[in-house]
Amino acid sequence: MSLETAGGAAALKFFGAAVIASAMGTALGLILMWPRTLQEAFTRCTCSFGTSFVFGPLLAMGAHSLWPGLFDSARALGQQYAGNELAGLLWVGAPFLALAALFAWWVLGAVVLWLDRRRGKDIGEIAADAAAIIRTVKESV
């Protein structure tokens, strides 16, 4: 196998796993918080995939710094069952990408719901509502 083919196969495995993990997080979001319109669904799916690709690896790196033994075990598992330690790292890293996608789905859904409840208000009224909520949270803490 040439170097280009091996590199291409590794890139395909990595990005394929990232896409699958992002899709799993988005699917969970669809199950738990259904969008109201097609435009909202497209926006939330796009943001979920984007945050999964950007913040998922950062989340996985944070997990690696906290639990390096988990990733060492994943490498050994990948070598034992798939013959490639990258497969083990993808198995253990994929849930972090899905979690990042799911978080974006929920946050964006909450923002859309919050703004929908304030439909018809101008920007000053929305800002006053946000300030009142922040004040209430600060007083309760």
N, C-alpha and C. Protein backbone atom coordinates (compact mmCIF):
# COMPACT_ATOMS: atom_id res chain seq x y z
N MET A 1 0.85 -1.16 0.00
CA MET A 1 0.00 0.00 0.00
C MET A 1 0.90 1.23 0.00
N SER A 2 0.61 2.18 -0.88
CA SER A 2 1.45 3.37 -0.97
C SER A 2 1.10 4.33 0.17
N LEU A 3 1.98 5.31 0.37
CA LEU A 3 1.78 6.29 1.43
C LEU A 3 0.52 7.11 1.20
N GLU A 4 0.25 7.48 -0.05
CA GLU A 4 -0.95 8.26 -0.35
C GLU A 4 -2.21 7.48 -0.05
N THR A 5 -2.20 6.19 -0.38
CA THR A 5 -3.37 5.35 -0.13
C THR A 5 -3.58 5.16 1.37
N ALA A 6 -2.50 4.93 2.11
CA ALA A 6 -2.61 4.75 3.56
C ALA A 6 -3.11 6.04 4.21
N GLY A 7 -2.57 7.18 3.78
CA GLY A 7 -3.01 8.46 4.33
C GLY A 7 -4.46 8.74 3.99
N GLY A 8 -4.85 8.41 2.77
CA GLY A 8 -6.24 8.61 2.36
C GLY A 8 -7.19 7.72 3.15
N ALA A 9 -6.76 6.47 3.40
CA ALA A 9 -7.60 5.56 4.18
C ALA A 9 -7.73 6.04 5.62
N ALA A 10 -6.64 6.54 6.19
CA ALA A 10 -6.69 7.05 7.56
C ALA A 10 -7.59 8.29 7.64
N ALA A 11 -7.47 9.18 6.66
CA ALA A 11 -8.31 10.38 6.64
C ALA A 11 -9.78 10.00 6.47
N LEU A 12 -10.04 9.03 5.62
CA LEU A 12 -11.43 8.57 5.42
C LEU A 12 -12.00 7.98 6.70
N LYS A 13 -11.19 7.19 7.41
CA LYS A 13 -11.64 6.61 8.68
C LYS A 13 -11.93 7.71 9.69
N PHE A 14 -11.00 8.68 9.78
CA PHE A 14 -11.18 9.74 10.78
C PHE A 14 -12.41 10.59 10.47
N PHE A 15 -12.49 11.10 9.24
CA PHE A 15 -13.61 11.98 8.91
C PHE A 15 -14.92 11.20 8.82
N GLY A 16 -14.86 9.94 8.43
CA GLY A 16 -16.06 9.12 8.41
C GLY A 16 -16.60 8.93 9.81
N ALA A 17 -15.71 8.66 10.76
CA ALA A 17 -16.14 8.51 12.15
C ALA A 17 -16.67 9.83 12.70
N ALA A 18 -16.04 10.94 12.33
CA ALA A 18 -16.51 12.24 12.79
C ALA A 18 -17.90 12.54 12.26
N VAL A 19 -18.12 12.23 10.99
CA VAL A 19 -19.44 12.47 10.40
C VAL A 19 -20.49 11.57 11.05
N ILE A 20 -20.15 10.32 11.28
CA ILE A 20 -21.09 9.39 11.92
C ILE A 20 -21.40 9.84 13.34
N ALA A 21 -20.38 10.26 14.09
CA ALA A 21 -20.61 10.73 15.46
C ALA A 21 -21.45 12.00 15.47
N SER A 22 -21.19 12.91 14.54
CA SER A 22 -21.99 14.13 14.44
C SER A 22 -23.42 13.80 14.09
N ALA A 23 -23.61 12.86 13.19
CA ALA A 23 -24.96 12.46 12.80
C ALA A 23 -25.69 11.81 13.97
N MET A 24 -24.98 11.03 14.80
CA MET A 24 -25.61 10.43 15.97
C MET A 24 -26.07 11.49 16.95
N GLY A 25 -25.23 12.49 17.19
CA GLY A 25 -25.61 13.57 18.10
C GLY A 25 -26.79 14.36 17.56
N THR A 26 -26.80 14.62 16.27
CA THR A 26 -27.91 15.33 15.65
C THR A 26 -29.18 14.49 15.70
N ALA A 27 -29.06 13.20 15.47
CA ALA A 27 -30.24 12.32 15.53
C ALA A 27 -30.82 12.28 16.94
N LEU A 28 -29.96 12.22 17.95
CA LEU A 28 -30.44 12.28 19.33
C LEU A 28 -31.15 13.59 19.60
N GLY A 29 -30.60 14.67 19.07
CA GLY A 29 -31.25 15.97 19.22
C GLY A 29 -32.61 16.00 18.55
N LEU A 30 -32.71 15.39 17.38
CA LEU A 30 -34.01 15.31 16.69
C LEU A 30 -35.02 14.52 17.50
N ILE A 31 -34.57 13.45 18.12
CA ILE A 31 -35.47 12.62 18.91
C ILE A 31 -35.97 13.37 20.14
N LEU A 32 -35.07 14.12 20.78
CA LEU A 32 -35.41 14.76 22.05
C LEU A 32 -36.03 16.15 21.90
N MET A 33 -35.68 16.89 20.85
CA MET A 33 -36.17 18.25 20.69
C MET A 33 -36.42 18.50 19.21
N TRP A 34 -37.61 18.22 18.77
CA TRP A 34 -37.97 18.31 17.35
C TRP A 34 -38.06 19.77 16.91
N PRO A 35 -37.47 20.14 15.77
CA PRO A 35 -37.58 21.53 15.27
C PRO A 35 -38.98 21.82 14.74
N ARG A 36 -39.34 23.09 14.78
CA ARG A 36 -40.69 23.48 14.35
C ARG A 36 -40.79 23.71 12.85
N THR A 37 -39.71 24.19 12.24
CA THR A 37 -39.74 24.47 10.81
C THR A 37 -38.56 23.80 10.13
N LEU A 38 -38.63 23.72 8.81
CA LEU A 38 -37.54 23.14 8.03
C LEU A 38 -36.28 24.01 8.14
N GLN A 39 -36.47 25.32 8.16
CA GLN A 39 -35.33 26.23 8.28
C GLN A 39 -34.63 26.05 9.64
N GLU A 40 -35.42 25.91 10.70
CA GLU A 40 -34.84 25.67 12.02
C GLU A 40 -34.09 24.34 12.05
N ALA A 41 -34.66 23.33 11.42
CA ALA A 41 -34.00 22.02 11.37
C ALA A 41 -32.67 22.11 10.63
N PHE A 42 -32.65 22.80 9.49
CA PHE A 42 -31.41 22.94 8.72
C PHE A 42 -30.37 23.71 9.53
N THR A 43 -30.78 24.79 10.18
CA THR A 43 -29.85 25.60 10.96
C THR A 43 -29.27 24.80 12.13
N ARG A 44 -30.15 24.09 12.83
CA ARG A 44 -29.68 23.32 13.97
C ARG A 44 -28.79 22.16 13.55
N CYS A 45 -29.11 21.50 12.43
CA CYS A 45 -28.24 20.41 11.94
C CYS A 45 -26.88 20.94 11.53
N THR A 46 -26.87 22.06 10.83
CA THR A 46 -25.61 22.66 10.39
C THR A 46 -24.75 23.07 11.58
N CYS A 47 -25.36 23.71 12.56
CA CYS A 47 -24.62 24.11 13.76
C CYS A 47 -24.13 22.90 14.55
N SER A 48 -24.95 21.85 14.61
CA SER A 48 -24.54 20.65 15.33
C SER A 48 -23.33 20.00 14.69
N PHE A 49 -23.36 19.88 13.36
CA PHE A 49 -22.22 19.30 12.67
C PHE A 49 -20.98 20.18 12.85
N GLY A 50 -21.16 21.49 12.73
CA GLY A 50 -20.03 22.41 12.87
C GLY A 50 -19.40 22.34 14.25
N THR A 51 -20.23 22.39 15.30
CA THR A 51 -19.66 22.33 16.65
C THR A 51 -19.06 20.95 16.94
N SER A 52 -19.62 19.92 16.35
CA SER A 52 -19.05 18.60 16.54
C SER A 52 -17.64 18.53 15.95
N PHE A 53 -17.46 19.11 14.77
CA PHE A 53 -16.14 19.07 14.13
C PHE A 53 -15.15 20.00 14.83
N VAL A 54 -15.63 21.11 15.40
CA VAL A 54 -14.71 22.06 16.05
C VAL A 54 -14.48 21.70 17.51
N PHE A 55 -15.56 21.53 18.27
CA PHE A 55 -15.43 21.34 19.71
C PHE A 55 -15.33 19.87 20.14
N GLY A 56 -15.76 18.95 19.29
CA GLY A 56 -15.65 17.53 19.62
C GLY A 56 -14.22 17.10 19.85
N PRO A 57 -13.29 17.40 18.93
CA PRO A 57 -11.89 17.04 19.18
C PRO A 57 -11.31 17.73 20.41
N LEU A 58 -11.72 18.98 20.66
CA LEU A 58 -11.23 19.66 21.86
C LEU A 58 -11.74 18.97 23.13
N LEU A 59 -12.98 18.53 23.09
CA LEU A 59 -13.56 17.78 24.21
C LEU A 59 -12.82 16.45 24.39
N ALA A 60 -12.52 15.79 23.29
CA ALA A 60 -11.78 14.53 23.35
C ALA A 60 -10.36 14.75 23.90
N MET A 61 -9.73 15.86 23.52
CA MET A 61 -8.40 16.16 24.05
C MET A 61 -8.45 16.44 25.55
N GLY A 62 -9.51 17.13 25.98
CA GLY A 62 -9.69 17.36 27.42
C GLY A 62 -9.88 16.05 28.17
N ALA A 63 -10.67 15.16 27.58
CA ALA A 63 -10.87 13.84 28.20
C ALA A 63 -9.56 13.06 28.23
N HIS A 64 -8.75 13.20 27.19
CA HIS A 64 -7.46 12.51 27.15
C HIS A 64 -6.54 13.00 28.26
N SER A 65 -6.59 14.30 28.55
CA SER A 65 -5.72 14.81 29.61
C SER A 65 -6.21 14.35 30.98
N LEU A 66 -7.53 14.13 31.12
CA LEU A 66 -8.07 13.66 32.41
C LEU A 66 -7.93 12.14 32.57
N TRP A 67 -8.15 11.40 31.48
CA TRP A 67 -8.14 9.93 31.53
C TRP A 67 -7.23 9.36 30.44
N PRO A 68 -5.93 9.54 30.54
CA PRO A 68 -5.06 9.01 29.49
C PRO A 68 -5.11 7.49 29.38
N GLY A 69 -5.41 6.81 30.47
CA GLY A 69 -5.50 5.35 30.44
C GLY A 69 -6.63 4.86 29.56
N LEU A 70 -7.71 5.63 29.47
CA LEU A 70 -8.83 5.27 28.61
C LEU A 70 -8.39 5.21 27.15
N PHE A 71 -7.59 6.17 26.75
CA PHE A 71 -7.14 6.21 25.36
C PHE A 71 -6.06 5.17 25.09
N ASP A 72 -5.23 4.87 26.09
CA ASP A 72 -4.25 3.78 25.94
C ASP A 72 -4.97 2.45 25.76
N SER A 73 -6.02 2.24 26.56
CA SER A 73 -6.80 1.01 26.43
C SER A 73 -7.49 0.94 25.08
N ALA A 74 -7.95 2.08 24.59
CA ALA A 74 -8.61 2.10 23.28
C ALA A 74 -7.64 1.74 22.16
N ARG A 75 -6.40 2.22 22.28
CA ARG A 75 -5.38 1.86 21.28
C ARG A 75 -5.15 0.34 21.28
N ALA A 76 -5.01 -0.22 22.47
CA ALA A 76 -4.78 -1.66 22.58
C ALA A 76 -5.97 -2.44 22.04
N LEU A 77 -7.18 -1.97 22.32
CA LEU A 77 -8.38 -2.62 21.82
C LEU A 77 -8.45 -2.56 20.30
N GLY A 78 -8.09 -1.41 19.74
CA GLY A 78 -8.08 -1.28 18.28
C GLY A 78 -7.07 -2.20 17.62
N GLN A 79 -5.91 -2.34 18.23
CA GLN A 79 -4.90 -3.26 17.69
C GLN A 79 -5.36 -4.70 17.79
N GLN A 80 -6.03 -5.01 18.87
CA GLN A 80 -6.45 -6.40 19.08
C GLN A 80 -7.59 -6.79 18.14
N TYR A 81 -8.58 -5.93 17.96
CA TYR A 81 -9.77 -6.32 17.20
C TYR A 81 -9.77 -5.83 15.76
N ALA A 82 -9.28 -4.65 15.50
CA ALA A 82 -9.32 -4.12 14.14
C ALA A 82 -7.94 -4.13 13.47
N GLY A 83 -6.93 -4.37 14.24
CA GLY A 83 -5.59 -4.39 13.67
C GLY A 83 -4.99 -3.00 13.48
N ASN A 84 -5.68 -1.97 13.96
CA ASN A 84 -5.22 -0.61 13.78
C ASN A 84 -5.57 0.17 15.05
N GLU A 85 -4.56 0.76 15.68
CA GLU A 85 -4.84 1.49 16.92
C GLU A 85 -5.67 2.74 16.69
N LEU A 86 -5.68 3.27 15.46
CA LEU A 86 -6.51 4.43 15.15
C LEU A 86 -7.99 4.08 15.29
N ALA A 87 -8.36 2.85 14.98
CA ALA A 87 -9.76 2.43 15.12
C ALA A 87 -10.18 2.49 16.59
N GLY A 88 -9.32 2.08 17.49
CA GLY A 88 -9.63 2.16 18.92
C GLY A 88 -9.79 3.59 19.39
N LEU A 89 -8.92 4.47 18.90
CA LEU A 89 -9.04 5.89 19.27
C LEU A 89 -10.34 6.49 18.73
N LEU A 90 -10.74 6.06 17.55
CA LEU A 90 -12.00 6.56 16.99
C LEU A 90 -13.18 6.05 17.79
N TRP A 91 -13.12 4.80 18.25
CA TRP A 91 -14.21 4.25 19.06
C TRP A 91 -14.40 5.05 20.35
N VAL A 92 -13.30 5.40 20.99
CA VAL A 92 -13.40 6.12 22.25
C VAL A 92 -13.63 7.62 22.03
N GLY A 93 -13.21 8.15 20.90
CA GLY A 93 -13.36 9.59 20.64
C GLY A 93 -14.70 9.98 20.06
N ALA A 94 -15.36 9.06 19.38
CA ALA A 94 -16.63 9.39 18.71
C ALA A 94 -17.72 9.88 19.66
N PRO A 95 -17.87 9.32 20.85
CA PRO A 95 -18.91 9.85 21.74
C PRO A 95 -18.69 11.32 22.13
N PHE A 96 -17.45 11.77 22.18
CA PHE A 96 -17.20 13.17 22.50
C PHE A 96 -17.66 14.08 21.37
N LEU A 97 -17.50 13.63 20.13
CA LEU A 97 -18.01 14.40 19.00
C LEU A 97 -19.52 14.45 19.02
N ALA A 98 -20.15 13.33 19.37
CA ALA A 98 -21.61 13.29 19.45
C ALA A 98 -22.12 14.19 20.57
N LEU A 99 -21.42 14.21 21.71
CA LEU A 99 -21.82 15.09 22.81
C LEU A 99 -21.73 16.56 22.42
N ALA A 100 -20.69 16.91 21.67
CA ALA A 100 -20.56 18.30 21.23
C ALA A 100 -21.70 18.67 20.29
N ALA A 101 -22.09 17.76 19.41
CA ALA A 101 -23.20 18.03 18.49
C ALA A 101 -24.51 18.16 19.25
N LEU A 102 -24.71 17.29 20.22
CA LEU A 102 -25.95 17.31 21.00
C LEU A 102 -26.06 18.59 21.82
N PHE A 103 -24.96 19.04 22.39
CA PHE A 103 -24.96 20.28 23.16
C PHE A 103 -25.37 21.46 22.28
N ALA A 104 -24.81 21.54 21.08
CA ALA A 104 -25.16 22.63 20.17
C ALA A 104 -26.63 22.57 19.79
N TRP A 105 -27.13 21.37 19.57
CA TRP A 105 -28.54 21.21 19.21
C TRP A 105 -29.44 21.76 20.31
N TRP A 106 -29.14 21.43 21.56
CA TRP A 106 -29.96 21.88 22.69
C TRP A 106 -29.84 23.38 22.90
N VAL A 107 -28.63 23.91 22.85
CA VAL A 107 -28.45 25.36 23.07
C VAL A 107 -29.16 26.15 21.99
N LEU A 108 -28.98 25.75 20.75
CA LEU A 108 -29.64 26.47 19.67
C LEU A 108 -31.15 26.34 19.77
N GLY A 109 -31.65 25.18 20.15
CA GLY A 109 -33.08 25.00 20.35
C GLY A 109 -33.62 25.88 21.46
N ALA A 110 -32.87 26.00 22.54
CA ALA A 110 -33.28 26.85 23.66
C ALA A 110 -33.30 28.33 23.24
N VAL A 111 -32.30 28.75 22.47
CA VAL A 111 -32.27 30.14 22.00
C VAL A 111 -33.44 30.42 21.07
N VAL A 112 -33.72 29.49 20.16
CA VAL A 112 -34.86 29.67 19.24
C VAL A 112 -36.17 29.74 20.02
N LEU A 113 -36.34 28.88 21.02
CA LEU A 113 -37.55 28.89 21.84
C LEU A 113 -37.67 30.19 22.62
N TRP A 114 -36.56 30.66 23.20
CA TRP A 114 -36.56 31.91 23.97
C TRP A 114 -36.92 33.08 23.08
N LEU A 115 -36.33 33.14 21.88
CA LEU A 115 -36.64 34.24 20.96
C LEU A 115 -38.06 34.13 20.42
N ASP A 116 -38.56 32.92 20.23
CA ASP A 116 -39.92 32.73 19.73
C ASP A 116 -40.94 33.24 20.74
N ARG A 117 -40.65 33.07 22.01
CA ARG A 117 -41.56 33.58 23.05
C ARG A 117 -41.56 35.09 23.12
N ARG A 118 -40.57 35.74 22.55
CA ARG A 118 -40.48 37.20 22.54
C ARG A 118 -40.76 37.78 21.16
N ARG A 119 -41.47 37.03 20.35
CA ARG A 119 -41.81 37.47 19.00
C ARG A 119 -42.62 38.76 19.08
N GLY A 120 -42.30 39.70 18.25
CA GLY A 120 -43.02 40.98 18.20
C GLY A 120 -42.38 42.07 19.07
N LYS A 121 -41.40 41.71 19.88
CA LYS A 121 -40.73 42.71 20.71
C LYS A 121 -39.55 43.29 19.94
N ASP A 122 -39.21 44.54 20.25
CA ASP A 122 -38.04 45.13 19.61
C ASP A 122 -36.78 44.74 20.39
N ILE A 123 -35.64 45.14 19.88
CA ILE A 123 -34.36 44.72 20.46
C ILE A 123 -34.19 45.22 21.88
N GLY A 124 -34.71 46.41 22.19
CA GLY A 124 -34.61 46.95 23.55
C GLY A 124 -35.41 46.12 24.54
N GLU A 125 -36.59 45.69 24.15
CA GLU A 125 -37.41 44.86 25.03
C GLU A 125 -36.78 43.48 25.24
N ILE A 126 -36.19 42.93 24.19
CA ILE A 126 -35.50 41.64 24.32
C ILE A 126 -34.30 41.77 25.24
N ALA A 127 -33.55 42.88 25.10
CA ALA A 127 -32.39 43.11 25.97
C ALA A 127 -32.83 43.28 27.42
N ALA A 128 -33.96 43.97 27.64
CA ALA A 128 -34.48 44.14 29.01
C ALA A 128 -34.89 42.79 29.60
N ASP A 129 -35.50 41.93 28.78
CA ASP A 129 -35.86 40.59 29.24
C ASP A 129 -34.60 39.80 29.62
N ALA A 130 -33.58 39.89 28.79
CA ALA A 130 -32.33 39.18 29.07
C ALA A 130 -31.68 39.70 30.34
N ALA A 131 -31.68 41.02 30.53
CA ALA A 131 -31.10 41.60 31.75
C ALA A 131 -31.88 41.16 32.98
N ALA A 132 -33.20 41.09 32.88
CA ALA A 132 -34.01 40.64 34.02
C ALA A 132 -33.71 39.19 34.37
N ILE A 133 -33.53 38.37 33.37
CA ILE A 133 -33.20 36.96 33.62
C ILE A 133 -31.83 36.84 34.27
N ILE A 134 -30.88 37.61 33.80
CA ILE A 134 -29.52 37.58 34.37
C ILE A 134 -29.55 38.05 35.82
N ARG A 135 -30.32 39.12 36.10
CA ARG A 135 -30.47 39.61 37.47
C ARG A 135 -31.06 38.54 38.38
N THR A 136 -32.08 37.86 37.89
CA THR A 136 -32.75 36.82 38.68
C THR A 136 -31.78 35.68 38.98
N VAL A 137 -30.99 35.28 38.00
CA VAL A 137 -30.01 34.21 38.21
C VAL A 137 -28.95 34.63 39.19
N LYS A 138 -28.46 35.87 39.08
CA LYS A 138 -27.43 36.36 40.01
C LYS A 138 -27.96 36.41 41.43
N GLU A 139 -29.22 36.82 41.62
CA GLU A 139 -29.80 36.91 42.96
C GLU A 139 -30.00 35.53 43.56
N SER A 140 -30.29 34.55 42.73
CA SER A 140 -30.53 33.21 43.25
C SER A 140 -29.26 32.45 43.59
N VAL A 141 -28.13 32.92 43.09
CA VAL A 141 -26.86 32.23 43.35
C VAL A 141 -26.19 32.74 44.57
